[in-house]
Protein backbone atom coordinates (compact mmCIF):
# COMPACT_ATOMS: atom_id res chain seq x y z
CA MET A 1 0.26 11.18 -15.70
CA THR A 2 1.88 10.37 -18.99
CA PRO A 3 1.29 7.34 -21.20
CA GLY A 4 3.61 4.55 -20.13
CA SER A 5 4.12 5.96 -16.63
CA LEU A 6 2.57 2.79 -15.19
CA ALA A 7 4.80 0.47 -17.20
CA ASN A 8 6.60 -0.79 -14.10
CA THR A 9 3.54 -1.27 -11.88
CA LYS A 10 2.97 -4.56 -10.12
CA VAL A 11 -0.27 -6.29 -9.09
CA VAL A 12 -0.77 -5.88 -5.34
CA SER A 13 -3.49 -7.72 -3.41
CA GLY A 14 -5.36 -8.52 -6.61
CA TYR A 15 -5.50 -4.84 -7.66
CA SER A 16 -3.88 -3.90 -10.94
CA PRO A 17 -3.65 -0.18 -11.67
CA GLN A 18 -2.91 -0.71 -15.35
CA MET A 19 -4.86 1.77 -17.41
CA THR A 20 -4.66 3.81 -20.55
CA SER A 21 -3.81 7.49 -20.28
CA ASN A 22 -7.42 8.55 -20.91
CA GLN A 23 -9.03 6.43 -18.18
CA ASP A 24 -10.53 8.11 -15.13
CA LEU A 25 -8.71 7.05 -11.93
CA SER A 26 -12.03 6.81 -10.09
CA THR A 27 -12.92 3.72 -12.15
CA THR A 28 -9.84 1.76 -11.04
CA VAL A 29 -9.15 2.91 -7.46
CA PRO A 30 -11.08 1.05 -4.75
CA ASP A 31 -13.50 3.16 -2.70
CA ARG A 32 -11.73 4.57 0.36
CA SER A 33 -14.49 6.87 1.63
CA GLY A 34 -15.76 4.63 4.45
CA PRO A 35 -14.09 3.94 7.77
CA LEU A 36 -11.34 1.33 8.04
CA ALA A 37 -11.89 -1.85 9.97
CA PRO A 38 -9.82 -1.86 13.18
CA LEU A 39 -6.09 -2.15 12.48
CA ARG A 40 -4.13 -5.17 13.66
CA THR A 41 -0.33 -4.94 13.86
CA VAL A 42 1.34 -7.46 11.56
CA ALA A 43 4.97 -6.34 11.95
CA ASN A 44 6.85 -3.36 13.37
CA MET A 45 10.38 -2.18 13.98
CA CYS A 46 9.97 -1.24 17.66
CA ASN A 47 7.59 -1.54 20.59
CA ALA A 48 6.83 2.18 20.95
CA GLY A 49 4.29 2.38 18.10
CA SER A 50 5.94 5.42 16.51
CA CYS A 51 8.10 3.62 13.97
CA PRO A 52 7.57 1.85 10.63
CA THR A 53 4.71 -0.62 11.04
CA VAL A 54 2.59 -2.84 8.77
CA TYR A 55 -1.06 -3.27 9.78
CA VAL A 56 -3.92 -5.29 8.33
CA SER A 57 -7.47 -3.93 8.17
CA GLY A 58 -10.42 -6.24 7.56
CA ALA A 59 -10.31 -9.91 6.64
CA GLY A 60 -10.73 -12.25 3.72
CA ASP A 61 -11.13 -10.71 0.27
CA SER A 62 -11.66 -7.25 1.76
CA ALA A 63 -8.41 -7.27 3.82
CA ARG A 64 -6.07 -4.36 3.13
CA LEU A 65 -2.57 -3.52 4.33
CA VAL A 66 -1.92 -0.15 5.91
CA VAL A 67 1.73 0.91 6.11
CA GLN A 68 3.23 3.46 8.47
CA GLY A 69 6.61 4.64 7.26
CA TYR A 70 8.72 7.62 6.38
CA ALA A 71 7.14 9.91 3.77
CA VAL A 72 9.04 10.05 0.48
CA PRO A 73 8.33 13.08 -1.72
CA ALA A 74 7.32 12.03 -5.23
CA ASP A 75 9.86 14.39 -6.80
CA ARG A 76 12.64 12.75 -4.77
CA ALA A 77 11.53 9.33 -6.07
CA GLY A 78 11.24 10.66 -9.62
CA ILE A 79 7.70 9.41 -10.23
CA ALA A 80 4.22 10.90 -10.46
CA VAL A 81 1.90 10.09 -7.57
CA PRO A 82 -1.87 10.59 -8.02
CA ASP A 83 -3.83 12.84 -5.66
CA GLY A 84 -4.84 10.94 -2.54
CA GLU A 85 -1.78 8.66 -2.60
CA MET A 86 1.65 9.00 -1.05
CA LEU A 87 4.90 7.10 -1.05
CA VAL A 88 6.23 5.72 2.22
CA GLU A 89 9.55 4.05 2.86
CA ILE A 90 9.88 1.05 5.15
CA PRO A 91 12.82 -1.30 5.73
CA LEU A 92 12.80 -4.41 3.55
CA ASP A 93 13.13 -6.56 6.68
CA LEU A 94 9.80 -5.16 7.91
CA LEU A 95 8.01 -6.18 4.72
CA THR A 96 9.64 -9.61 4.85
CA GLU A 97 8.50 -10.07 8.46
CA ALA A 98 4.97 -8.91 7.57
CA ALA A 99 4.78 -11.41 4.68
CA ARG A 100 5.99 -14.20 6.95
CA ASN A 101 3.45 -13.26 9.66
CA LEU A 102 0.62 -13.02 7.14
CA SER A 103 1.40 -16.30 5.37
CA GLY A 104 -0.56 -18.28 7.98
CA ASP A 105 -3.52 -15.88 7.68
CA LEU A 106 -3.66 -16.28 3.91
CA ALA A 107 -3.35 -20.06 3.77
C-alpha cells in the first residue's frame, strides 16, 4: 500500500480506514475471527439464493452488512486490496433496495 492510496476512501458503518502508510492494519480493521451472527436477507436480485444479495449480521452497533456479488480482481479495478479483503460487484439497484429496506431498522 502506498501513501495516499486511501485518499478516496469513504466512512462506512462508522468505520474509517484512514491511516498513515506506517500504521499496522491490525489496529484499524475490526476483529473478524469469531463466528458471524445468523445472516438475514435484506435485498436480493432473485429468489434462488445464488445471485447478488445483501445480508445483515447482528444488530444495533454491532450490525454488519455481508454482500454476495461477483468477484472483481483488484488488478482489474486498478487498486490495491489488503490481504483478507476482496472486491465484489453488485448492481446499484440492489444497494438502493438494501438501503431502503434497512432505513426502518436504523431509525
